[in-house]
Amino acid sequence: GRPGKSMLMSLVIPGAGQIYNKSYLRVPFVWGAVGGMGYLVHVNTVEYQCRKTAYEASIDGVTYVPPCTDCDPNLVLITDPSRLRLLRDEANEARQLSIVGFTLVWLANGIDAFVNAHLKEFDLDEDLSIRVGTKMDDDPYNPMRMGIFVQF
């Protein structure tokens, strides 16, 4: 297969390049890594939304109403705006790090497909000899040019 095509396929749909390269055993690992990081982004985003809503409620002086059912029920007990701001910022940092991790895993999946396709084309010739010799050019403009060459 073509390395560029397999990388592009994997960047569009994770694992597609590995399937194109017939590296079927790599696909579950790709899906697990991308899926796991995607789940982490989701969890951290929900946590951030819950804490952000609690912080805004404490600033506005209104009762905190969780934006979804996945929010920590103990968040209602915290009313100090500075404490809630710290919790919100902590959740935001975790969310951003998980987005970076997700992006890196997605890119690594494409790079893996590209490198794997390149290695499938790798020449596995039995001839591993090295020939060393000398060379002199009969160049009338540069008569003293000489050199050593190595040929694999």
Protein backbone atom coordinates (compact mmCIF):
# COMPACT_ATOMS: atom_id res chain seq x y z
CA GLY A 1 0.00 0.00 0.00
CA ARG A 2 0.92 3.64 -0.24
CA PRO A 3 2.12 5.21 3.04
CA GLY A 4 0.48 8.59 2.40
CA LYS A 5 -2.88 7.00 1.65
CA SER A 6 -2.77 4.82 4.76
CA MET A 7 -1.87 7.83 6.95
CA LEU A 8 -4.68 9.94 5.48
CA MET A 9 -7.16 7.11 5.98
CA SER A 10 -6.12 6.77 9.65
CA LEU A 11 -6.33 10.51 10.23
CA VAL A 12 -9.91 10.50 8.88
CA ILE A 13 -11.01 7.26 10.58
CA PRO A 14 -8.66 5.88 13.26
CA GLY A 15 -7.59 2.34 12.41
CA ALA A 16 -8.53 2.59 8.72
CA GLY A 17 -4.89 2.92 7.66
CA GLN A 18 -3.94 -0.12 9.74
CA ILE A 19 -6.74 -2.11 8.03
CA TYR A 20 -5.51 -0.83 4.62
CA ASN A 21 -1.99 -2.04 5.55
CA LYS A 22 -3.48 -5.42 6.58
CA SER A 23 -2.10 -4.89 10.12
CA TYR A 24 -5.31 -6.11 11.74
CA LEU A 25 -3.76 -6.76 15.18
CA ARG A 26 -2.98 -3.05 15.58
CA VAL A 27 -6.60 -1.95 15.09
CA PRO A 28 -7.93 -2.86 18.59
CA PHE A 29 -5.03 -0.96 20.17
CA VAL A 30 -5.71 2.11 18.02
CA TRP A 31 -9.43 2.00 18.81
CA GLY A 32 -8.70 1.44 22.51
CA ALA A 33 -6.26 4.38 22.68
CA VAL A 34 -8.46 6.80 20.70
CA GLY A 35 -11.63 5.63 22.49
CA GLY A 36 -10.00 5.81 25.92
CA MET A 37 -8.70 9.32 25.31
CA GLY A 38 -12.07 10.36 23.88
CA TYR A 39 -13.80 9.07 27.01
CA LEU A 40 -11.31 10.99 29.18
CA VAL A 41 -12.08 14.20 27.25
CA HIS A 42 -15.81 13.59 27.81
CA VAL A 43 -15.45 12.92 31.56
CA ASN A 44 -13.21 15.95 32.08
CA THR A 45 -15.52 18.21 30.04
CA VAL A 46 -18.57 17.14 32.09
CA GLU A 47 -16.64 17.73 35.34
CA TYR A 48 -15.57 21.17 34.10
CA GLN A 49 -19.18 22.11 33.16
CA CYS A 50 -20.45 21.03 36.60
CA ARG A 51 -17.79 23.02 38.48
CA LYS A 52 -18.17 26.04 36.20
CA THR A 53 -21.94 26.12 36.79
CA ALA A 54 -21.41 25.80 40.57
CA TYR A 55 -18.87 28.64 40.52
CA GLU A 56 -21.17 30.91 38.47
CA ALA A 57 -24.08 30.14 40.85
CA SER A 58 -21.95 31.09 43.88
CA ILE A 59 -20.89 34.37 42.21
CA ASP A 60 -24.50 35.22 41.27
CA GLY A 61 -25.75 34.23 44.73
CA VAL A 62 -28.28 31.74 43.37
CA THR A 63 -28.87 28.08 44.21
CA TYR A 64 -26.64 25.69 42.27
CA VAL A 65 -28.57 23.50 39.85
CA PRO A 66 -26.37 20.76 38.32
CA PRO A 67 -26.35 20.96 34.48
CA CYS A 68 -26.51 17.15 34.19
CA THR A 69 -26.97 13.99 36.27
CA ASP A 70 -23.25 13.09 36.11
CA CYS A 71 -22.24 15.97 38.43
CA ASP A 72 -20.74 15.29 41.85
CA PRO A 73 -23.63 15.61 44.37
CA ASN A 74 -21.22 17.04 46.99
CA LEU A 75 -20.65 20.12 44.79
CA VAL A 76 -23.88 21.56 46.25
CA LEU A 77 -22.24 21.70 49.68
CA ILE A 78 -19.41 24.02 48.55
CA THR A 79 -20.50 27.68 48.56
CA ASP A 80 -17.16 29.53 48.77
CA PRO A 81 -16.59 31.19 45.35
CA SER A 82 -12.77 31.12 45.66
CA ARG A 83 -12.80 27.38 46.43
CA LEU A 84 -15.17 26.74 43.51
CA ARG A 85 -12.98 28.84 41.19
CA LEU A 86 -9.96 26.69 42.11
CA LEU A 87 -11.97 23.52 41.48
CA ARG A 88 -13.20 24.90 38.13
CA ASP A 89 -9.66 25.85 37.05
CA GLU A 90 -8.37 22.42 38.09
CA ALA A 91 -11.08 20.72 36.01
CA ASN A 92 -10.36 23.03 33.07
CA GLU A 93 -6.66 22.12 33.17
CA ALA A 94 -7.50 18.40 33.23
CA ARG A 95 -9.91 18.93 30.31
CA GLN A 96 -7.28 20.77 28.24
CA LEU A 97 -4.62 18.13 28.97
CA SER A 98 -6.98 15.35 27.93
CA ILE A 99 -7.72 17.22 24.66
CA VAL A 100 -3.96 17.47 24.00
CA GLY A 101 -3.57 13.76 24.81
CA PHE A 102 -6.47 12.85 22.51
CA THR A 103 -4.91 14.89 19.68
CA LEU A 104 -1.50 13.25 20.18
CA VAL A 105 -3.02 9.75 20.18
CA TRP A 106 -4.99 10.58 17.00
CA LEU A 107 -1.82 11.84 15.28
CA ALA A 108 0.22 8.85 16.52
CA ASN A 109 -2.38 6.56 14.91
CA GLY A 110 -1.79 8.29 11.55
CA ILE A 111 1.99 8.20 11.95
CA ASP A 112 1.81 4.50 12.88
CA ALA A 113 -0.11 3.73 9.68
CA PHE A 114 2.41 5.73 7.62
CA VAL A 115 5.49 4.07 9.15
CA ASN A 116 3.91 0.62 8.98
CA ALA A 117 3.15 1.06 5.26
CA HIS A 118 6.74 2.19 4.67
CA LEU A 119 8.14 -0.83 6.51
CA LYS A 120 5.98 -3.21 4.46
CA GLU A 121 7.77 -1.90 1.35
CA PHE A 122 11.21 -2.28 2.98
CA ASP A 123 13.67 -4.25 0.85
CA LEU A 124 14.63 -7.49 2.61
CA ASP A 125 17.28 -8.52 0.05
CA GLU A 126 19.54 -11.38 1.17
CA ASP A 127 22.63 -9.63 -0.25
CA LEU A 128 24.11 -7.69 2.70
CA SER A 129 27.61 -7.27 1.19
CA ILE A 130 29.48 -3.97 1.16
CA ARG A 131 31.85 -3.11 -1.67
CA VAL A 132 34.53 -0.48 -1.06
CA GLY A 133 36.53 0.90 -3.95
CA THR A 134 38.28 3.93 -5.35
CA LYS A 135 37.29 6.21 -8.16
CA MET A 136 39.12 8.71 -10.34
CA ASP A 137 37.27 10.98 -12.74
CA ASP A 138 38.79 11.85 -16.11
CA ASP A 139 37.52 15.41 -15.92
CA PRO A 140 39.69 17.77 -18.03
CA TYR A 141 38.70 20.78 -15.89
CA ASN A 142 39.45 19.07 -12.56
CA PRO A 143 42.10 16.42 -13.27
CA MET A 144 43.10 15.71 -9.64
CA ARG A 145 39.65 14.67 -8.34
CA MET A 146 39.79 11.29 -6.60
CA GLY A 147 37.62 9.61 -3.98
CA ILE A 148 36.52 6.54 -2.13
CA PHE A 149 33.03 5.12 -2.50
CA VAL A 150 30.99 2.63 -0.50
CA GLN A 151 28.27 0.67 -2.25
CA PHE A 152 25.61 -1.34 -0.36
